[in-house]
Amino acid sequence: MKKNKEMYKGTIEIIKRLEAQNIKYRYEHYPSTDNESEHDWLELNLRTENIASMLVEMFIEESGFVLIKSFRICKVNNDKRNVMLKLVNSLNRIYIDARFYVDDENNICAHKFCDLLSSDTYYGSRIIDILVDYIDDINEAYPQIMEENWSKTDEM
């Protein structure tokens, strides 16, 4: 039960920080079932220096596993898919806190997996640090993504 308590305390700390920053969010708690472990889900609508609006989902499991996802950072122009795949590979060599990919619907997305089981740091603070680093990577990469997506040539 210790992990459940830490998960809940961590989620509450995150929610308090979101509210202090006036960040819009949705929260759901899911108890464990035969098929799924207990977890919290947060959906955040964020604004960054370079991005007017970005939807971020967070899944925080009782085991200490955390998944952060952004499903549509940019819609890829159909004729740019191959160029954008190359760009995503390049971005993944540069950025370590967000892993970029192009989904089947031609959206550039990102995710971050982490396991906090062995972490000595307080759960909520560590998740906030991970989220901030993740958002920073996306914010920094965004101008390059948009420039490449809207450039006239197919060369990278």
N, C-alpha and C. Protein backbone atom coordinates (compact mmCIF):
# COMPACT_ATOMS: atom_id res chain seq x y z
N MET A 1 0.81 -1.21 0.00
CA MET A 1 0.00 0.00 0.00
C MET A 1 0.85 1.27 0.00
N LYS A 2 2.13 1.17 0.34
CA LYS A 2 2.97 2.36 0.40
C LYS A 2 3.01 3.07 -0.95
N LYS A 3 3.14 2.31 -2.04
CA LYS A 3 3.20 2.93 -3.36
C LYS A 3 1.90 3.66 -3.67
N ASN A 4 0.75 3.09 -3.31
CA ASN A 4 -0.53 3.76 -3.57
C ASN A 4 -0.55 5.12 -2.87
N LYS A 5 -0.11 5.14 -1.61
CA LYS A 5 -0.08 6.38 -0.84
C LYS A 5 0.87 7.39 -1.48
N GLU A 6 2.05 6.94 -1.88
CA GLU A 6 3.02 7.82 -2.53
C GLU A 6 2.49 8.32 -3.87
N MET A 7 1.84 7.44 -4.64
CA MET A 7 1.27 7.83 -5.92
C MET A 7 0.24 8.94 -5.69
N TYR A 8 -0.64 8.74 -4.74
CA TYR A 8 -1.68 9.72 -4.47
C TYR A 8 -1.08 11.04 -4.00
N LYS A 9 -0.12 10.99 -3.08
CA LYS A 9 0.53 12.21 -2.60
C LYS A 9 1.24 12.93 -3.75
N GLY A 10 1.87 12.16 -4.62
CA GLY A 10 2.55 12.75 -5.77
C GLY A 10 1.58 13.44 -6.71
N THR A 11 0.46 12.78 -6.98
CA THR A 11 -0.55 13.37 -7.86
C THR A 11 -1.12 14.64 -7.25
N ILE A 12 -1.39 14.63 -5.96
CA ILE A 12 -1.92 15.82 -5.29
C ILE A 12 -0.91 16.97 -5.35
N GLU A 13 0.37 16.66 -5.18
CA GLU A 13 1.39 17.70 -5.30
C GLU A 13 1.39 18.30 -6.70
N ILE A 14 1.28 17.46 -7.72
CA ILE A 14 1.24 17.93 -9.10
C ILE A 14 0.02 18.83 -9.30
N ILE A 15 -1.14 18.39 -8.82
CA ILE A 15 -2.37 19.18 -8.98
C ILE A 15 -2.24 20.54 -8.30
N LYS A 16 -1.67 20.58 -7.12
CA LYS A 16 -1.48 21.85 -6.42
C LYS A 16 -0.59 22.79 -7.22
N ARG A 17 0.47 22.25 -7.82
CA ARG A 17 1.37 23.08 -8.64
C ARG A 17 0.65 23.58 -9.89
N LEU A 18 -0.17 22.72 -10.51
CA LEU A 18 -0.93 23.14 -11.69
C LEU A 18 -1.89 24.27 -11.34
N GLU A 19 -2.59 24.11 -10.23
CA GLU A 19 -3.54 25.13 -9.80
C GLU A 19 -2.83 26.44 -9.47
N ALA A 20 -1.67 26.37 -8.85
CA ALA A 20 -0.91 27.57 -8.51
C ALA A 20 -0.47 28.32 -9.76
N GLN A 21 -0.27 27.58 -10.85
CA GLN A 21 0.16 28.18 -12.12
C GLN A 21 -1.03 28.47 -13.05
N ASN A 22 -2.25 28.25 -12.57
CA ASN A 22 -3.47 28.44 -13.37
C ASN A 22 -3.45 27.60 -14.65
N ILE A 23 -2.93 26.39 -14.55
CA ILE A 23 -2.91 25.48 -15.70
C ILE A 23 -4.16 24.62 -15.65
N LYS A 24 -4.87 24.57 -16.77
CA LYS A 24 -6.09 23.76 -16.85
C LYS A 24 -5.71 22.28 -16.90
N TYR A 25 -6.49 21.47 -16.19
CA TYR A 25 -6.22 20.03 -16.17
C TYR A 25 -7.51 19.27 -15.90
N ARG A 26 -7.46 17.99 -16.21
CA ARG A 26 -8.51 17.04 -15.81
C ARG A 26 -7.80 15.91 -15.08
N TYR A 27 -8.48 15.36 -14.07
CA TYR A 27 -7.88 14.31 -13.25
C TYR A 27 -8.87 13.19 -13.05
N GLU A 28 -8.38 11.97 -13.15
CA GLU A 28 -9.17 10.77 -12.83
C GLU A 28 -8.29 9.80 -12.07
N HIS A 29 -8.87 9.14 -11.09
CA HIS A 29 -8.19 8.07 -10.38
C HIS A 29 -8.86 6.76 -10.77
N TYR A 30 -8.06 5.76 -11.10
CA TYR A 30 -8.58 4.45 -11.49
C TYR A 30 -8.09 3.40 -10.50
N PRO A 31 -9.01 2.76 -9.76
CA PRO A 31 -8.59 1.70 -8.84
C PRO A 31 -8.13 0.48 -9.61
N SER A 32 -7.41 -0.39 -8.95
CA SER A 32 -6.92 -1.60 -9.63
C SER A 32 -8.08 -2.53 -9.96
N THR A 33 -7.93 -3.25 -11.06
CA THR A 33 -8.90 -4.25 -11.50
C THR A 33 -8.12 -5.53 -11.79
N ASP A 34 -8.81 -6.54 -12.28
CA ASP A 34 -8.13 -7.78 -12.67
C ASP A 34 -7.16 -7.55 -13.82
N ASN A 35 -7.44 -6.55 -14.66
CA ASN A 35 -6.63 -6.32 -15.86
C ASN A 35 -5.66 -5.14 -15.76
N GLU A 36 -5.89 -4.22 -14.82
CA GLU A 36 -5.06 -3.02 -14.74
C GLU A 36 -4.67 -2.73 -13.30
N SER A 37 -3.48 -2.16 -13.14
CA SER A 37 -3.06 -1.74 -11.81
C SER A 37 -3.67 -0.37 -11.50
N GLU A 38 -3.68 -0.01 -10.25
CA GLU A 38 -4.19 1.29 -9.84
C GLU A 38 -3.35 2.38 -10.49
N HIS A 39 -4.00 3.43 -11.00
CA HIS A 39 -3.25 4.52 -11.59
C HIS A 39 -4.05 5.82 -11.58
N ASP A 40 -3.33 6.91 -11.70
CA ASP A 40 -3.91 8.24 -11.84
C ASP A 40 -3.68 8.70 -13.27
N TRP A 41 -4.62 9.49 -13.76
CA TRP A 41 -4.53 10.05 -15.11
C TRP A 41 -4.74 11.54 -15.01
N LEU A 42 -3.87 12.29 -15.65
CA LEU A 42 -3.99 13.74 -15.73
C LEU A 42 -3.91 14.16 -17.19
N GLU A 43 -4.74 15.10 -17.56
CA GLU A 43 -4.67 15.71 -18.89
C GLU A 43 -4.45 17.20 -18.67
N LEU A 44 -3.40 17.72 -19.25
CA LEU A 44 -3.02 19.12 -19.08
C LEU A 44 -3.12 19.85 -20.40
N ASN A 45 -3.60 21.08 -20.37
CA ASN A 45 -3.58 21.93 -21.54
C ASN A 45 -2.55 23.01 -21.26
N LEU A 46 -1.40 22.91 -21.94
CA LEU A 46 -0.27 23.78 -21.64
C LEU A 46 -0.01 24.77 -22.76
N ARG A 47 0.56 25.89 -22.37
CA ARG A 47 1.01 26.91 -23.31
C ARG A 47 2.49 27.12 -23.01
N THR A 48 3.31 27.16 -24.06
CA THR A 48 4.74 27.39 -23.87
C THR A 48 5.16 28.63 -24.66
N GLU A 49 6.41 28.94 -24.58
CA GLU A 49 6.95 30.08 -25.32
C GLU A 49 6.69 29.94 -26.83
N ASN A 50 6.80 28.72 -27.35
CA ASN A 50 6.68 28.50 -28.79
C ASN A 50 5.37 27.84 -29.21
N ILE A 51 4.61 27.30 -28.28
CA ILE A 51 3.41 26.53 -28.62
C ILE A 51 2.20 27.16 -27.94
N ALA A 52 1.21 27.54 -28.74
CA ALA A 52 0.02 28.21 -28.20
C ALA A 52 -0.81 27.29 -27.33
N SER A 53 -0.91 26.02 -27.71
CA SER A 53 -1.70 25.07 -26.93
C SER A 53 -1.19 23.66 -27.20
N MET A 54 -0.91 22.94 -26.13
CA MET A 54 -0.42 21.56 -26.25
C MET A 54 -1.12 20.70 -25.20
N LEU A 55 -1.72 19.63 -25.65
CA LEU A 55 -2.37 18.68 -24.76
C LEU A 55 -1.37 17.62 -24.32
N VAL A 56 -1.24 17.42 -23.02
CA VAL A 56 -0.31 16.45 -22.46
C VAL A 56 -1.09 15.52 -21.54
N GLU A 57 -0.89 14.23 -21.70
CA GLU A 57 -1.51 13.25 -20.81
C GLU A 57 -0.43 12.59 -19.97
N MET A 58 -0.77 12.34 -18.70
CA MET A 58 0.15 11.67 -17.79
C MET A 58 -0.58 10.49 -17.16
N PHE A 59 0.10 9.35 -17.15
CA PHE A 59 -0.40 8.16 -16.48
C PHE A 59 0.60 7.83 -15.37
N ILE A 60 0.14 7.77 -14.15
CA ILE A 60 1.00 7.51 -13.00
C ILE A 60 0.49 6.24 -12.34
N GLU A 61 1.26 5.16 -12.44
CA GLU A 61 0.82 3.88 -11.89
C GLU A 61 1.34 3.69 -10.48
N GLU A 62 0.65 2.85 -9.73
CA GLU A 62 1.04 2.56 -8.35
C GLU A 62 2.43 1.94 -8.27
N SER A 63 2.86 1.29 -9.34
CA SER A 63 4.16 0.62 -9.36
C SER A 63 5.32 1.61 -9.45
N GLY A 64 5.02 2.88 -9.77
CA GLY A 64 6.07 3.86 -9.96
C GLY A 64 6.34 4.16 -11.43
N PHE A 65 5.63 3.50 -12.32
CA PHE A 65 5.76 3.74 -13.75
C PHE A 65 5.00 5.00 -14.13
N VAL A 66 5.64 5.88 -14.88
CA VAL A 66 5.02 7.12 -15.32
C VAL A 66 5.16 7.21 -16.85
N LEU A 67 4.06 7.55 -17.51
CA LEU A 67 4.05 7.76 -18.95
C LEU A 67 3.49 9.16 -19.19
N ILE A 68 4.21 9.94 -19.98
CA ILE A 68 3.77 11.27 -20.39
C ILE A 68 3.67 11.23 -21.91
N LYS A 69 2.54 11.72 -22.46
CA LYS A 69 2.34 11.68 -23.91
C LYS A 69 1.75 12.99 -24.42
N SER A 70 2.17 13.35 -25.61
CA SER A 70 1.58 14.46 -26.36
C SER A 70 1.24 13.90 -27.73
N PHE A 71 -0.05 13.90 -28.07
CA PHE A 71 -0.50 13.18 -29.25
C PHE A 71 -0.42 13.95 -30.55
N ARG A 72 -0.53 15.26 -30.52
CA ARG A 72 -0.51 15.99 -31.78
C ARG A 72 0.24 17.31 -31.60
N ILE A 73 1.53 17.22 -31.70
CA ILE A 73 2.36 18.41 -31.61
C ILE A 73 2.27 19.18 -32.93
N CYS A 74 2.21 18.44 -34.01
CA CYS A 74 2.16 19.04 -35.35
C CYS A 74 1.54 18.04 -36.32
N LYS A 75 0.66 18.52 -37.18
CA LYS A 75 0.12 17.69 -38.25
C LYS A 75 1.08 17.79 -39.43
N VAL A 76 1.61 16.65 -39.86
CA VAL A 76 2.60 16.62 -40.93
C VAL A 76 1.91 16.74 -42.29
N ASN A 77 2.44 17.64 -43.12
CA ASN A 77 1.94 17.73 -44.49
C ASN A 77 2.21 16.40 -45.19
N ASN A 78 1.25 15.90 -45.95
CA ASN A 78 1.36 14.58 -46.58
C ASN A 78 2.64 14.40 -47.38
N ASP A 79 3.04 15.43 -48.12
CA ASP A 79 4.24 15.31 -48.95
C ASP A 79 5.53 15.43 -48.13
N LYS A 80 5.44 15.64 -46.84
CA LYS A 80 6.61 15.82 -45.98
C LYS A 80 6.86 14.64 -45.04
N ARG A 81 6.10 13.58 -45.13
CA ARG A 81 6.22 12.49 -44.17
C ARG A 81 7.65 11.94 -44.07
N ASN A 82 8.27 11.62 -45.18
CA ASN A 82 9.62 11.05 -45.15
C ASN A 82 10.65 12.02 -44.59
N VAL A 83 10.52 13.29 -44.95
CA VAL A 83 11.42 14.31 -44.43
C VAL A 83 11.22 14.45 -42.92
N MET A 84 9.97 14.41 -42.49
CA MET A 84 9.69 14.56 -41.06
C MET A 84 10.14 13.34 -40.26
N LEU A 85 10.10 12.17 -40.86
CA LEU A 85 10.63 10.99 -40.18
C LEU A 85 12.13 11.14 -39.93
N LYS A 86 12.83 11.68 -40.92
CA LYS A 86 14.27 11.95 -40.74
C LYS A 86 14.50 12.99 -39.65
N LEU A 87 13.66 14.03 -39.65
CA LEU A 87 13.79 15.06 -38.63
C LEU A 87 13.55 14.47 -37.23
N VAL A 88 12.53 13.65 -37.09
CA VAL A 88 12.21 13.02 -35.80
C VAL A 88 13.39 12.18 -35.32
N ASN A 89 14.01 11.43 -36.22
CA ASN A 89 15.18 10.64 -35.84
C ASN A 89 16.32 11.55 -35.36
N SER A 90 16.49 12.66 -36.04
CA SER A 90 17.51 13.62 -35.65
C SER A 90 17.20 14.22 -34.27
N LEU A 91 15.94 14.59 -34.04
CA LEU A 91 15.54 15.16 -32.76
C LEU A 91 15.76 14.16 -31.62
N ASN A 92 15.51 12.90 -31.89
CA ASN A 92 15.69 11.88 -30.85
C ASN A 92 17.16 11.64 -30.49
N ARG A 93 18.07 12.07 -31.35
CA ARG A 93 19.49 12.01 -31.01
C ARG A 93 19.90 13.21 -30.15
N ILE A 94 19.12 14.28 -30.24
CA ILE A 94 19.43 15.52 -29.51
C ILE A 94 18.74 15.56 -28.14
N TYR A 95 17.46 15.24 -28.13
CA TYR A 95 16.65 15.41 -26.92
C TYR A 95 16.47 14.07 -26.20
N ILE A 96 16.64 14.09 -24.88
CA ILE A 96 16.54 12.83 -24.13
C ILE A 96 15.27 12.75 -23.29
N ASP A 97 14.61 13.87 -23.06
CA ASP A 97 13.44 13.84 -22.18
C ASP A 97 12.12 13.68 -22.91
N ALA A 98 12.12 13.87 -24.21
CA ALA A 98 10.93 13.61 -25.04
C ALA A 98 11.38 12.78 -26.23
N ARG A 99 10.67 11.69 -26.47
CA ARG A 99 10.95 10.85 -27.64
C ARG A 99 9.89 11.15 -28.68
N PHE A 100 10.32 11.64 -29.83
CA PHE A 100 9.41 12.05 -30.89
C PHE A 100 9.13 10.90 -31.84
N TYR A 101 7.94 10.91 -32.44
CA TYR A 101 7.59 9.94 -33.47
C TYR A 101 6.47 10.49 -34.34
N VAL A 102 6.32 9.91 -35.52
CA VAL A 102 5.21 10.25 -36.42
C VAL A 102 4.23 9.08 -36.36
N ASP A 103 2.98 9.37 -36.01
CA ASP A 103 2.00 8.29 -35.88
C ASP A 103 1.38 7.95 -37.24
N ASP A 104 0.47 7.00 -37.25
CA ASP A 104 -0.17 6.54 -38.49
C ASP A 104 -1.07 7.58 -39.14
N GLU A 105 -1.43 8.60 -38.39
CA GLU A 105 -2.28 9.67 -38.93
C GLU A 105 -1.48 10.92 -39.28
N ASN A 106 -0.17 10.76 -39.42
CA ASN A 106 0.75 11.85 -39.79
C ASN A 106 0.82 12.97 -38.77
N ASN A 107 0.74 12.64 -37.51
CA ASN A 107 0.94 13.61 -36.44
C ASN A 107 2.32 13.38 -35.82
N ILE A 108 3.02 14.46 -35.54
CA ILE A 108 4.23 14.33 -34.73
C ILE A 108 3.77 14.31 -33.28
N CYS A 109 4.19 13.28 -32.59
CA CYS A 109 3.82 13.06 -31.19
C CYS A 109 5.10 12.90 -30.38
N ALA A 110 4.94 12.85 -29.07
CA ALA A 110 6.09 12.61 -28.20
C ALA A 110 5.63 11.84 -26.97
N HIS A 111 6.57 11.14 -26.36
CA HIS A 111 6.27 10.46 -25.10
C HIS A 111 7.53 10.36 -24.25
N LYS A 112 7.31 10.06 -23.00
CA LYS A 112 8.39 9.84 -22.04
C LYS A 112 7.93 8.75 -21.08
N PHE A 113 8.73 7.69 -20.97
CA PHE A 113 8.49 6.63 -20.00
C PHE A 113 9.52 6.77 -18.89
N CYS A 114 9.12 6.55 -17.66
CA CYS A 114 10.10 6.48 -16.59
C CYS A 114 9.57 5.60 -15.47
N ASP A 115 10.48 5.06 -14.73
CA ASP A 115 10.16 4.16 -13.62
C ASP A 115 10.77 4.76 -12.37
N LEU A 116 9.93 5.15 -11.43
CA LEU A 116 10.40 5.82 -10.23
C LEU A 116 10.56 4.88 -9.04
N LEU A 117 10.54 3.59 -9.28
CA LEU A 117 10.65 2.63 -8.19
C LEU A 117 11.92 2.82 -7.36
N SER A 118 13.02 3.02 -8.02
CA SER A 118 14.29 3.09 -7.30
C SER A 118 14.67 4.52 -6.92
N SER A 119 13.81 5.46 -7.21
CA SER A 119 14.13 6.85 -6.93
C SER A 119 14.03 7.15 -5.44
N ASP A 120 15.02 7.87 -4.92
CA ASP A 120 14.99 8.30 -3.53
C ASP A 120 14.27 9.63 -3.37
N THR A 121 14.01 10.29 -4.50
CA THR A 121 13.39 11.60 -4.48
C THR A 121 11.89 11.47 -4.22
N TYR A 122 11.33 12.47 -3.63
CA TYR A 122 9.89 12.46 -3.39
C TYR A 122 9.15 12.36 -4.71
N TYR A 123 8.20 11.49 -4.74
CA TYR A 123 7.46 11.10 -5.94
C TYR A 123 6.94 12.28 -6.76
N GLY A 124 6.13 13.14 -6.14
CA GLY A 124 5.51 14.25 -6.88
C GLY A 124 6.54 15.21 -7.43
N SER A 125 7.54 15.58 -6.62
CA SER A 125 8.57 16.51 -7.09
C SER A 125 9.34 15.93 -8.27
N ARG A 126 9.63 14.65 -8.21
CA ARG A 126 10.37 14.00 -9.30
C ARG A 126 9.54 13.99 -10.59
N ILE A 127 8.25 13.71 -10.47
CA ILE A 127 7.38 13.70 -11.66
C ILE A 127 7.28 15.10 -12.25
N ILE A 128 7.19 16.11 -11.41
CA ILE A 128 7.15 17.49 -11.90
C ILE A 128 8.44 17.83 -12.65
N ASP A 129 9.58 17.45 -12.10
CA ASP A 129 10.86 17.69 -12.78
C ASP A 129 10.89 17.01 -14.15
N ILE A 130 10.41 15.79 -14.21
CA ILE A 130 10.38 15.04 -15.47
C ILE A 130 9.46 15.74 -16.47
N LEU A 131 8.29 16.17 -16.01
CA LEU A 131 7.33 16.87 -16.88
C LEU A 131 7.92 18.17 -17.42
N VAL A 132 8.57 18.94 -16.57
CA VAL A 132 9.17 20.20 -17.00
C VAL A 132 10.25 19.95 -18.06
N ASP A 133 11.12 18.97 -17.85
CA ASP A 133 12.16 18.65 -18.83
C ASP A 133 11.54 18.19 -20.15
N TYR A 134 10.49 17.40 -20.07
CA TYR A 134 9.77 16.91 -21.26
C TYR A 134 9.20 18.08 -22.06
N ILE A 135 8.52 18.98 -21.38
CA ILE A 135 7.92 20.14 -22.05
C ILE A 135 9.01 21.04 -22.63
N ASP A 136 10.10 21.23 -21.90
CA ASP A 136 11.21 22.04 -22.41
C ASP A 136 11.75 21.47 -23.72
N ASP A 137 11.92 20.16 -23.80
CA ASP A 137 12.41 19.54 -25.04
C ASP A 137 11.46 19.80 -26.20
N ILE A 138 10.18 19.61 -25.98
CA ILE A 138 9.20 19.83 -27.05
C ILE A 138 9.17 21.30 -27.46
N ASN A 139 9.17 22.19 -26.49
CA ASN A 139 9.16 23.63 -26.77
C ASN A 139 10.38 24.03 -27.60
N GLU A 140 11.54 23.50 -27.25
CA GLU A 140 12.77 23.84 -27.96
C GLU A 140 12.78 23.26 -29.38
N ALA A 141 12.23 22.06 -29.56
CA ALA A 141 12.23 21.41 -30.87
C ALA A 141 11.13 21.95 -31.79
N TYR A 142 10.10 22.54 -31.23
CA TYR A 142 8.92 22.95 -32.00
C TYR A 142 9.22 23.87 -33.18
N PRO A 143 10.02 24.93 -33.02
CA PRO A 143 10.29 25.78 -34.18
C PRO A 143 10.94 25.01 -35.34
N GLN A 144 11.83 24.09 -35.03
CA GLN A 144 12.47 23.29 -36.08
C GLN A 144 11.45 22.38 -36.76
N ILE A 145 10.55 21.80 -35.97
CA ILE A 145 9.50 20.95 -36.53
C ILE A 145 8.63 21.75 -37.48
N MET A 146 8.19 22.91 -37.05
CA MET A 146 7.30 23.73 -37.89
C MET A 146 8.02 24.26 -39.12
N GLU A 147 9.26 24.67 -38.96
CA GLU A 147 10.02 25.17 -40.11
C GLU A 147 10.16 24.08 -41.17
N GLU A 148 10.49 22.89 -40.75
CA GLU A 148 10.67 21.79 -41.70
C GLU A 148 9.33 21.39 -42.34
N ASN A 149 8.30 21.38 -41.56
CA ASN A 149 6.98 20.98 -42.07
C ASN A 149 6.47 21.95 -43.14
N TRP A 150 6.78 23.23 -43.00
CA TRP A 150 6.26 24.23 -43.91
C TRP A 150 7.28 24.73 -44.93
N SER A 151 8.48 24.16 -44.92
CA SER A 151 9.48 24.59 -45.90
C SER A 151 9.06 24.16 -47.31
N LYS A 152 9.58 24.85 -48.29
CA LYS A 152 9.22 24.59 -49.69
C LYS A 152 9.90 23.35 -50.27
N THR A 153 11.09 23.04 -49.77
CA THR A 153 11.83 21.92 -50.35
C THR A 153 11.61 20.66 -49.56
N ASP A 154 11.91 19.53 -50.19
CA ASP A 154 11.83 18.24 -49.51
C ASP A 154 13.17 17.83 -48.94
N GLU A 155 14.15 18.70 -49.02
CA GLU A 155 15.48 18.39 -48.49
C GLU A 155 15.55 18.82 -47.03
N MET A 156 16.27 18.04 -46.25
CA MET A 156 16.45 18.40 -44.85
C MET A 156 17.85 18.86 -44.62
